[in-house]
Amino acid sequence: MTNPRNALISRHSNCHAKGGRGRFDLGSCIGKGYLPTMTASSPRDRQPPRHAPQAGAPGFLWILVGIMTAIEVILSLSQSGVFGSESLRWPAFVFGAFWQPVFSGATSPAYPGQTVLMFITYAFLHGGFMHLALNSVILLSLGKLISMQIGAAKTLLVLFLAAVGGAACFGFLSSGAGPMIGASGAAFGLIGLWQAAEYRMRRQSGMAVQPVLMAILALVAANIALFAFLSGGLAWQAHLGGWIVGWLSGHSFARR
């Protein structure tokens, strides 16, 4: 009678020799029945289930859009006379919009700290629901894709810096005395970041970068057309500033 232990040792030696000196050919042993195959019979051996891709935009983007929407609802209702004797829209613009004369020092701020706070507060104000909807679509759709790549914290940082950069660019390049409002500076920051990532990917892969350059030119053309259509009522300077911040972010801390 053959000793089972000796038979197992003999088979182990054959497997070892099959793989060469110093190597153990596990595949050939399993194929010949020398070793048992492993099955996920216990919870510890089972692979964790893969999570499905996120269906909608992350919560922090919905919170931002929700705040902007709540503000616009209040301003629109007050403007329609639903509550209050006077519209709250103009007072909100006075205290929350970005004012180039305040930035340049030609006009005194309405309250202490406005010179600094207006670099952010203007982004939460809009001229109506259509203005709000356009910016919200970009923030939710493009913001979702970007946050999946770089995370929520960096996405929020890009939005913050793009809003500040858009306001700064408007302050330096515009000579208008009216208020500047809207989250388009932050939205264009996401566009700039996305195009920067696409540009870097194409350069690293040896692909042509002309599609990215053409998309940038199309963005410029769209701004020119909107500026003419709105009779100069488009803050293209804020778009430019936000886009530059997004582009630089995509080549530095917010790389994918």
C-alpha atoms as a PDB file:
ATOM      1  CA  MET A   1       0.000   0.000   0.000  1.00  0.00           C
ATOM      2  CA  THR A   2       1.308   3.439  -0.908  1.00  0.00           C
ATOM      3  CA  ASN A   3       1.667   5.995   1.822  1.00  0.00           C
ATOM      4  CA  PRO A   4      -0.600   8.981   0.891  1.00  0.00           C
ATOM      5  CA  ARG A   5       1.898  11.371   2.408  1.00  0.00           C
ATOM      6  CA  ASN A   6       4.715   9.986   0.198  1.00  0.00           C
ATOM      7  CA  ALA A   7       2.483  10.230  -2.878  1.00  0.00           C
ATOM      8  CA  LEU A   8       1.696  13.864  -2.154  1.00  0.00           C
ATOM      9  CA  ILE A   9       5.401  14.637  -1.698  1.00  0.00           C
ATOM     10  CA  SER A  10       6.192  12.903  -5.006  1.00  0.00           C
ATOM     11  CA  ARG A  11       3.546  14.908  -6.824  1.00  0.00           C
ATOM     12  CA  HIS A  12       4.799  18.117  -5.215  1.00  0.00           C
ATOM     13  CA  SER A  13       8.304  17.300  -6.490  1.00  0.00           C
ATOM     14  CA  ASN A  14       6.988  16.746 -10.015  1.00  0.00           C
ATOM     15  CA  CYS A  15       5.210  20.093  -9.944  1.00  0.00           C
ATOM     16  CA  HIS A  16       8.333  21.815  -8.650  1.00  0.00           C
ATOM     17  CA  ALA A  17      10.476  20.278 -11.376  1.00  0.00           C
ATOM     18  CA  LYS A  18       7.913  21.194 -14.009  1.00  0.00           C
ATOM     19  CA  GLY A  19       8.313  24.834 -13.192  1.00  0.00           C
ATOM     20  CA  GLY A  20      12.123  24.742 -13.206  1.00  0.00           C
ATOM     21  CA  ARG A  21      14.653  25.166 -10.448  1.00  0.00           C
ATOM     22  CA  GLY A  22      13.579  27.494  -7.699  1.00  0.00           C
ATOM     23  CA  ARG A  23      10.031  27.903  -9.088  1.00  0.00           C
ATOM     24  CA  PHE A  24       6.747  26.251  -8.279  1.00  0.00           C
ATOM     25  CA  ASP A  25       4.367  25.750 -11.213  1.00  0.00           C
ATOM     26  CA  LEU A  26       1.057  26.144  -9.427  1.00  0.00           C
ATOM     27  CA  GLY A  27      -0.937  26.214 -12.658  1.00  0.00           C
ATOM     28  CA  SER A  28       0.281  22.839 -13.871  1.00  0.00           C
ATOM     29  CA  CYS A  29      -0.374  21.252 -10.469  1.00  0.00           C
ATOM     30  CA  ILE A  30      -3.948  22.480 -10.357  1.00  0.00           C
ATOM     31  CA  GLY A  31      -4.495  21.385 -13.960  1.00  0.00           C
ATOM     32  CA  LYS A  32      -3.318  17.860 -13.176  1.00  0.00           C
ATOM     33  CA  GLY A  33      -5.346  17.544 -10.012  1.00  0.00           C
ATOM     34  CA  TYR A  34      -2.375  17.636  -7.633  1.00  0.00           C
ATOM     35  CA  LEU A  35      -3.813  20.606  -5.730  1.00  0.00           C
ATOM     36  CA  PRO A  36      -7.426  21.434  -4.938  1.00  0.00           C
ATOM     37  CA  THR A  37      -8.933  24.492  -6.607  1.00  0.00           C
ATOM     38  CA  MET A  38     -10.039  27.320  -4.333  1.00  0.00           C
ATOM     39  CA  THR A  39     -13.656  28.390  -4.249  1.00  0.00           C
ATOM     40  CA  ALA A  40     -15.225  31.364  -2.536  1.00  0.00           C
ATOM     41  CA  SER A  41     -16.994  29.181   0.003  1.00  0.00           C
ATOM     42  CA  SER A  42     -16.678  31.542   2.936  1.00  0.00           C
ATOM     43  CA  PRO A  43     -17.616  35.234   3.273  1.00  0.00           C
ATOM     44  CA  ARG A  44     -13.938  36.069   3.764  1.00  0.00           C
ATOM     45  CA  ASP A  45     -13.067  34.599   0.347  1.00  0.00           C
ATOM     46  CA  ARG A  46     -15.823  36.336  -1.576  1.00  0.00           C
ATOM     47  CA  GLN A  47     -14.987  39.445  -3.555  1.00  0.00           C
ATOM     48  CA  PRO A  48     -16.694  42.623  -2.325  1.00  0.00           C
ATOM     49  CA  PRO A  49     -19.523  43.751  -4.618  1.00  0.00           C
ATOM     50  CA  ARG A  50     -18.693  46.515  -7.028  1.00  0.00           C
ATOM     51  CA  HIS A  51     -20.572  49.716  -6.446  1.00  0.00           C
ATOM     52  CA  ALA A  52     -22.600  51.035  -9.341  1.00  0.00           C
ATOM     53  CA  PRO A  53     -21.577  54.432 -10.759  1.00  0.00           C
ATOM     54  CA  GLN A  54     -23.198  57.383  -9.045  1.00  0.00           C
ATOM     55  CA  ALA A  55     -26.481  58.126 -10.783  1.00  0.00           C
ATOM     56  CA  GLY A  56     -26.771  61.827  -9.966  1.00  0.00           C
ATOM     57  CA  ALA A  57     -24.661  64.771  -8.916  1.00  0.00           C
ATOM     58  CA  PRO A  58     -23.059  64.570  -5.458  1.00  0.00           C
ATOM     59  CA  GLY A  59     -24.765  66.152  -2.488  1.00  0.00           C
ATOM     60  CA  PHE A  60     -22.456  69.157  -2.099  1.00  0.00           C
ATOM     61  CA  LEU A  61     -23.339  70.344  -5.617  1.00  0.00           C
ATOM     62  CA  TRP A  62     -27.039  70.005  -4.896  1.00  0.00           C
ATOM     63  CA  ILE A  63     -26.546  72.032  -1.722  1.00  0.00           C
ATOM     64  CA  LEU A  64     -24.877  74.841  -3.670  1.00  0.00           C
ATOM     65  CA  VAL A  65     -27.578  74.827  -6.330  1.00  0.00           C
ATOM     66  CA  GLY A  66     -30.242  74.604  -3.623  1.00  0.00           C
ATOM     67  CA  ILE A  67     -28.921  77.719  -1.887  1.00  0.00           C
ATOM     68  CA  MET A  68     -28.849  79.655  -5.155  1.00  0.00           C
ATOM     69  CA  THR A  69     -32.356  78.458  -6.005  1.00  0.00           C
ATOM     70  CA  ALA A  70     -33.754  79.414  -2.593  1.00  0.00           C
ATOM     71  CA  ILE A  71     -32.292  82.911  -2.949  1.00  0.00           C
ATOM     72  CA  GLU A  72     -33.748  83.320  -6.438  1.00  0.00           C
ATOM     73  CA  VAL A  73     -37.175  82.078  -5.314  1.00  0.00           C
ATOM     74  CA  ILE A  74     -37.252  84.636  -2.495  1.00  0.00           C
ATOM     75  CA  LEU A  75     -36.127  87.465  -4.770  1.00  0.00           C
ATOM     76  CA  SER A  76     -38.592  86.518  -7.517  1.00  0.00           C
ATOM     77  CA  LEU A  77     -41.526  86.236  -5.113  1.00  0.00           C
ATOM     78  CA  SER A  78     -40.733  89.576  -3.532  1.00  0.00           C
ATOM     79  CA  GLN A  79     -40.373  91.139  -6.976  1.00  0.00           C
ATOM     80  CA  SER A  80     -43.810  89.766  -7.913  1.00  0.00           C
ATOM     81  CA  GLY A  81     -45.339  91.317  -4.812  1.00  0.00           C
ATOM     82  CA  VAL A  82     -46.165  88.015  -3.113  1.00  0.00           C
ATOM     83  CA  PHE A  83     -44.710  89.333   0.143  1.00  0.00           C
ATOM     84  CA  GLY A  84     -43.243  92.621   1.254  1.00  0.00           C
ATOM     85  CA  SER A  85     -44.017  96.079   0.003  1.00  0.00           C
ATOM     86  CA  GLU A  86     -40.854  96.391  -2.069  1.00  0.00           C
ATOM     87  CA  SER A  87     -38.725  94.046  -4.123  1.00  0.00           C
ATOM     88  CA  LEU A  88     -35.740  92.540  -2.363  1.00  0.00           C
ATOM     89  CA  ARG A  89     -33.776  92.051  -5.573  1.00  0.00           C
ATOM     90  CA  TRP A  90     -32.108  95.426  -5.720  1.00  0.00           C
ATOM     91  CA  PRO A  91     -31.128  95.482  -2.018  1.00  0.00           C
ATOM     92  CA  ALA A  92     -29.695  91.981  -2.489  1.00  0.00           C
ATOM     93  CA  PHE A  93     -27.660  93.251  -5.439  1.00  0.00           C
ATOM     94  CA  VAL A  94     -26.452  96.260  -3.476  1.00  0.00           C
ATOM     95  CA  PHE A  95     -25.102  94.095  -0.667  1.00  0.00           C
ATOM     96  CA  GLY A  96     -24.210  90.888  -2.514  1.00  0.00           C
ATOM     97  CA  ALA A  97     -23.243  91.674  -6.106  1.00  0.00           C
ATOM     98  CA  PHE A  98     -19.726  92.413  -7.288  1.00  0.00           C
ATOM     99  CA  TRP A  99     -19.276  96.114  -7.920  1.00  0.00           C
ATOM    100  CA  GLN A 100     -16.354  97.310  -9.998  1.00  0.00           C
ATOM    101  CA  PRO A 101     -16.500 100.864  -8.544  1.00  0.00           C
ATOM    102  CA  VAL A 102     -16.178  99.373  -5.045  1.00  0.00           C
ATOM    103  CA  PHE A 103     -13.307  97.190  -6.245  1.00  0.00           C
ATOM    104  CA  SER A 104     -11.460 100.148  -7.755  1.00  0.00           C
ATOM    105  CA  GLY A 105     -12.128 102.404  -4.765  1.00  0.00           C
ATOM    106  CA  ALA A 106     -14.272 104.862  -6.729  1.00  0.00           C
ATOM    107  CA  THR A 107     -17.251 104.100  -4.471  1.00  0.00           C
ATOM    108  CA  SER A 108     -17.339 103.350  -0.770  1.00  0.00           C
ATOM    109  CA  PRO A 109     -18.555  99.882   0.221  1.00  0.00           C
ATOM    110  CA  ALA A 110     -22.097  99.522   1.551  1.00  0.00           C
ATOM    111  CA  TYR A 111     -20.855  97.734   4.677  1.00  0.00           C
ATOM    112  CA  PRO A 112     -17.506  96.809   6.221  1.00  0.00           C
ATOM    113  CA  GLY A 113     -15.961  93.828   4.484  1.00  0.00           C
ATOM    114  CA  GLN A 114     -17.945  94.125   1.264  1.00  0.00           C
ATOM    115  CA  THR A 115     -14.742  94.660  -0.706  1.00  0.00           C
ATOM    116  CA  VAL A 116     -13.709  91.105   0.198  1.00  0.00           C
ATOM    117  CA  LEU A 117     -17.022  89.266   0.579  1.00  0.00           C
ATOM    118  CA  MET A 118     -18.401  90.351  -2.778  1.00  0.00           C
ATOM    119  CA  PHE A 119     -15.786  88.132  -4.481  1.00  0.00           C
ATOM    120  CA  ILE A 120     -17.947  85.169  -3.387  1.00  0.00           C
ATOM    121  CA  THR A 121     -21.460  86.472  -2.642  1.00  0.00           C
ATOM    122  CA  TYR A 122     -22.046  87.590  -6.240  1.00  0.00           C
ATOM    123  CA  ALA A 123     -21.959  83.949  -7.387  1.00  0.00           C
ATOM    124  CA  PHE A 124     -25.113  83.121  -5.373  1.00  0.00           C
ATOM    125  CA  LEU A 125     -27.209  85.852  -7.030  1.00  0.00           C
ATOM    126  CA  HIS A 126     -28.841  85.628 -10.452  1.00  0.00           C
ATOM    127  CA  GLY A 127     -30.945  87.771 -12.712  1.00  0.00           C
ATOM    128  CA  GLY A 128     -33.766  85.249 -13.045  1.00  0.00           C
ATOM    129  CA  PHE A 129     -34.573  81.566 -13.247  1.00  0.00           C
ATOM    130  CA  MET A 130     -33.174  81.194 -16.780  1.00  0.00           C
ATOM    131  CA  HIS A 131     -29.833  82.628 -15.684  1.00  0.00           C
ATOM    132  CA  LEU A 132     -29.871  80.309 -12.670  1.00  0.00           C
ATOM    133  CA  ALA A 133     -30.831  77.253 -14.729  1.00  0.00           C
ATOM    134  CA  LEU A 134     -27.989  77.692 -17.230  1.00  0.00           C
ATOM    135  CA  ASN A 135     -25.358  77.877 -14.510  1.00  0.00           C
ATOM    136  CA  SER A 136     -26.943  75.084 -12.462  1.00  0.00           C
ATOM    137  CA  VAL A 137     -26.887  72.656 -15.397  1.00  0.00           C
ATOM    138  CA  ILE A 138     -23.139  73.165 -15.834  1.00  0.00           C
ATOM    139  CA  LEU A 139     -22.433  72.909 -12.121  1.00  0.00           C
ATOM    140  CA  LEU A 140     -24.411  69.688 -11.695  1.00  0.00           C
ATOM    141  CA  SER A 141     -23.442  67.874 -14.891  1.00  0.00           C
ATOM    142  CA  LEU A 142     -19.804  68.850 -15.296  1.00  0.00           C
ATOM    143  CA  GLY A 143     -19.294  69.088 -11.543  1.00  0.00           C
ATOM    144  CA  LYS A 144     -20.415  65.480 -11.149  1.00  0.00           C
ATOM    145  CA  LEU A 145     -17.886  64.213 -13.697  1.00  0.00           C
ATOM    146  CA  ILE A 146     -15.045  66.271 -12.259  1.00  0.00           C
ATOM    147  CA  SER A 147     -15.757  65.328  -8.637  1.00  0.00           C
ATOM    148  CA  MET A 148     -15.629  61.657  -9.632  1.00  0.00           C
ATOM    149  CA  GLN A 149     -12.103  62.256 -10.918  1.00  0.00           C
ATOM    150  CA  ILE A 150     -10.570  64.590  -8.318  1.00  0.00           C
ATOM    151  CA  GLY A 151     -12.924  64.339  -5.328  1.00  0.00           C
ATOM    152  CA  ALA A 152     -15.356  66.703  -3.640  1.00  0.00           C
ATOM    153  CA  ALA A 153     -12.785  68.785  -1.731  1.00  0.00           C
ATOM    154  CA  LYS A 154     -10.740  69.708  -4.795  1.00  0.00           C
ATOM    155  CA  THR A 155     -13.881  70.355  -6.834  1.00  0.00           C
ATOM    156  CA  LEU A 156     -15.120  72.787  -4.191  1.00  0.00           C
ATOM    157  CA  LEU A 157     -11.720  74.457  -4.118  1.00  0.00           C
ATOM    158  CA  VAL A 158     -11.763  74.906  -7.895  1.00  0.00           C
ATOM    159  CA  LEU A 159     -15.267  76.412  -7.709  1.00  0.00           C
ATOM    160  CA  PHE A 160     -14.180  78.804  -4.969  1.00  0.00           C
ATOM    161  CA  LEU A 161     -11.006  79.899  -6.749  1.00  0.00           C
ATOM    162  CA  ALA A 162     -12.788  80.213 -10.088  1.00  0.00           C
ATOM    163  CA  ALA A 163     -15.438  82.470  -8.547  1.00  0.00           C
ATOM    164  CA  VAL A 164     -12.729  84.649  -6.999  1.00  0.00           C
ATOM    165  CA  GLY A 165     -10.716  84.655 -10.220  1.00  0.00           C
ATOM    166  CA  GLY A 166     -13.766  85.555 -12.268  1.00  0.00           C
ATOM    167  CA  ALA A 167     -14.548  88.497  -9.994  1.00  0.00           C
ATOM    168  CA  ALA A 168     -10.939  89.689 -10.030  1.00  0.00           C
ATOM    169  CA  CYS A 169     -10.759  89.523 -13.814  1.00  0.00           C
ATOM    170  CA  PHE A 170     -14.015  91.458 -14.066  1.00  0.00           C
ATOM    171  CA  GLY A 171     -12.712  94.054 -11.642  1.00  0.00           C
ATOM    172  CA  PHE A 172      -9.529  94.634 -13.639  1.00  0.00           C
ATOM    173  CA  LEU A 173     -10.953  94.466 -17.162  1.00  0.00           C
ATOM    174  CA  SER A 174     -14.414  95.996 -16.797  1.00  0.00           C
ATOM    175  CA  SER A 175     -15.197  99.669 -16.460  1.00  0.00           C
ATOM    176  CA  GLY A 176     -18.928  99.210 -15.980  1.00  0.00           C
ATOM    177  CA  ALA A 177     -20.656 100.703 -12.977  1.00  0.00           C
ATOM    178  CA  GLY A 178     -23.424  98.098 -12.744  1.00  0.00           C
ATOM    179  CA  PRO A 179     -23.553  94.981 -10.568  1.00  0.00           C
ATOM    180  CA  MET A 180     -22.024  91.703 -11.695  1.00  0.00           C
ATOM    181  CA  ILE A 181     -23.866  88.557 -10.572  1.00  0.00           C
ATOM    182  CA  GLY A 182     -24.067  84.840 -11.321  1.00  0.00           C
ATOM    183  CA  ALA A 183     -22.147  81.602 -10.840  1.00  0.00           C
ATOM    184  CA  SER A 184     -20.871  81.569 -14.421  1.00  0.00           C
ATOM    185  CA  GLY A 185     -17.314  82.347 -13.280  1.00  0.00           C
ATOM    186  CA  ALA A 186     -17.324  79.172 -11.192  1.00  0.00           C
ATOM    187  CA  ALA A 187     -19.014  77.234 -14.007  1.00  0.00           C
ATOM    188  CA  PHE A 188     -16.354  78.331 -16.484  1.00  0.00           C
ATOM    189  CA  GLY A 189     -13.765  77.173 -13.970  1.00  0.00           C
ATOM    190  CA  LEU A 190     -15.112  73.651 -14.375  1.00  0.00           C
ATOM    191  CA  ILE A 191     -15.035  74.015 -18.149  1.00  0.00           C
ATOM    192  CA  GLY A 192     -11.419  75.185 -18.054  1.00  0.00           C
ATOM    193  CA  LEU A 193     -10.463  72.322 -15.749  1.00  0.00           C
ATOM    194  CA  TRP A 194     -12.110  69.748 -17.992  1.00  0.00           C
ATOM    195  CA  GLN A 195     -10.438  71.120 -21.108  1.00  0.00           C
ATOM    196  CA  ALA A 196      -7.059  71.191 -19.367  1.00  0.00           C
ATOM    197  CA  ALA A 197      -7.442  67.525 -18.419  1.00  0.00           C
ATOM    198  CA  GLU A 198      -8.397  66.631 -21.979  1.00  0.00           C
ATOM    199  CA  TYR A 199      -5.441  68.584 -23.333  1.00  0.00           C
ATOM    200  CA  ARG A 200      -2.968  66.860 -20.998  1.00  0.00           C
ATOM    201  CA  MET A 201      -4.390  63.428 -21.784  1.00  0.00           C
ATOM    202  CA  ARG A 202      -4.016  64.002 -25.517  1.00  0.00           C
ATOM    203  CA  ARG A 203      -0.486  65.320 -25.177  1.00  0.00           C
ATOM    204  CA  GLN A 204       0.609  62.375 -23.040  1.00  0.00           C
ATOM    205  CA  SER A 205      -1.042  59.857 -25.372  1.00  0.00           C
ATOM    206  CA  GLY A 206       0.449  61.394 -28.510  1.00  0.00           C
ATOM    207  CA  MET A 207      -3.003  62.330 -29.805  1.00  0.00           C
ATOM    208  CA  ALA A 208      -3.871  65.518 -31.657  1.00  0.00           C
ATOM    209  CA  VAL A 209      -4.790  68.475 -29.450  1.00  0.00           C
ATOM    210  CA  GLN A 210      -6.690  70.284 -32.217  1.00  0.00           C
ATOM    211  CA  PRO A 211     -10.111  69.140 -30.885  1.00  0.00           C
ATOM    212  CA  VAL A 212      -9.409  70.837 -27.552  1.00  0.00           C
ATOM    213  CA  LEU A 213      -8.165  74.006 -29.245  1.00  0.00           C
ATOM    214  CA  MET A 214     -11.234  74.063 -31.482  1.00  0.00           C
ATOM    215  CA  ALA A 215     -13.478  73.653 -28.436  1.00  0.00           C
ATOM    216  CA  ILE A 216     -11.762  76.615 -26.788  1.00  0.00           C
ATOM    217  CA  LEU A 217     -12.242  78.733 -29.915  1.00  0.00           C
ATOM    218  CA  ALA A 218     -15.903  77.702 -30.027  1.00  0.00           C
ATOM    219  CA  LEU A 219     -16.242  78.810 -26.402  1.00  0.00           C
ATOM    220  CA  VAL A 220     -14.764  82.196 -27.285  1.00  0.00           C
ATOM    221  CA  ALA A 221     -17.089  82.530 -30.281  1.00  0.00           C
ATOM    222  CA  ALA A 222     -20.116  81.651 -28.139  1.00  0.00           C
ATOM    223  CA  ASN A 223     -19.205  84.363 -25.633  1.00  0.00           C
ATOM    224  CA  ILE A 224     -18.821  86.936 -28.410  1.00  0.00           C
ATOM    225  CA  ALA A 225     -22.194  85.970 -29.867  1.00  0.00           C
ATOM    226  CA  LEU A 226     -23.919  86.132 -26.470  1.00  0.00           C
ATOM    227  CA  PHE A 227     -22.259  89.459 -25.698  1.00  0.00           C
ATOM    228  CA  ALA A 228     -23.683  90.894 -28.927  1.00  0.00           C
ATOM    229  CA  PHE A 229     -27.099  89.259 -28.429  1.00  0.00           C
ATOM    230  CA  LEU A 230     -27.388  90.630 -24.887  1.00  0.00           C
ATOM    231  CA  SER A 231     -26.215  94.085 -25.982  1.00  0.00           C
ATOM    232  CA  GLY A 232     -23.160  93.977 -23.740  1.00  0.00           C
ATOM    233  CA  GLY A 233     -24.974  92.429 -20.797  1.00  0.00           C
ATOM    234  CA  LEU A 234     -22.603  89.471 -20.572  1.00  0.00           C
ATOM    235  CA  ALA A 235     -19.799  89.487 -17.994  1.00  0.00           C
ATOM    236  CA  TRP A 236     -17.291  87.818 -20.323  1.00  0.00           C
ATOM    237  CA  GLN A 237     -14.490  88.997 -18.059  1.00  0.00           C
ATOM    238  CA  ALA A 238     -15.786  86.760 -15.272  1.00  0.00           C
ATOM    239  CA  HIS A 239     -16.019  83.858 -17.710  1.00  0.00           C
ATOM    240  CA  LEU A 240     -12.437  84.442 -18.773  1.00  0.00           C
ATOM    241  CA  GLY A 241     -11.137  84.694 -15.214  1.00  0.00           C
ATOM    242  CA  GLY A 242     -12.963  81.560 -14.106  1.00  0.00           C
ATOM    243  CA  TRP A 243     -11.765  79.606 -17.143  1.00  0.00           C
ATOM    244  CA  ILE A 244      -8.134  80.620 -16.566  1.00  0.00           C
ATOM    245  CA  VAL A 245      -8.318  79.452 -12.946  1.00  0.00           C
ATOM    246  CA  GLY A 246      -9.828  76.139 -14.033  1.00  0.00           C
ATOM    247  CA  TRP A 247      -7.182  75.645 -16.722  1.00  0.00           C
ATOM    248  CA  LEU A 248      -4.340  76.335 -14.302  1.00  0.00           C
ATOM    249  CA  SER A 249      -5.945  74.093 -11.677  1.00  0.00           C
ATOM    250  CA  GLY A 250      -6.138  71.275 -14.208  1.00  0.00           C
ATOM    251  CA  HIS A 251      -2.390  71.513 -14.733  1.00  0.00           C
ATOM    252  CA  SER A 252      -1.520  71.722 -11.021  1.00  0.00           C
ATOM    253  CA  PHE A 253      -3.338  70.564  -7.880  1.00  0.00           C
ATOM    254  CA  ALA A 254      -6.490  69.311  -9.629  1.00  0.00           C
ATOM    255  CA  ARG A 255      -4.818  66.939 -12.067  1.00  0.00           C
ATOM    256  CA  ARG A 256      -6.725  63.763 -12.894  1.00  0.00           C
END
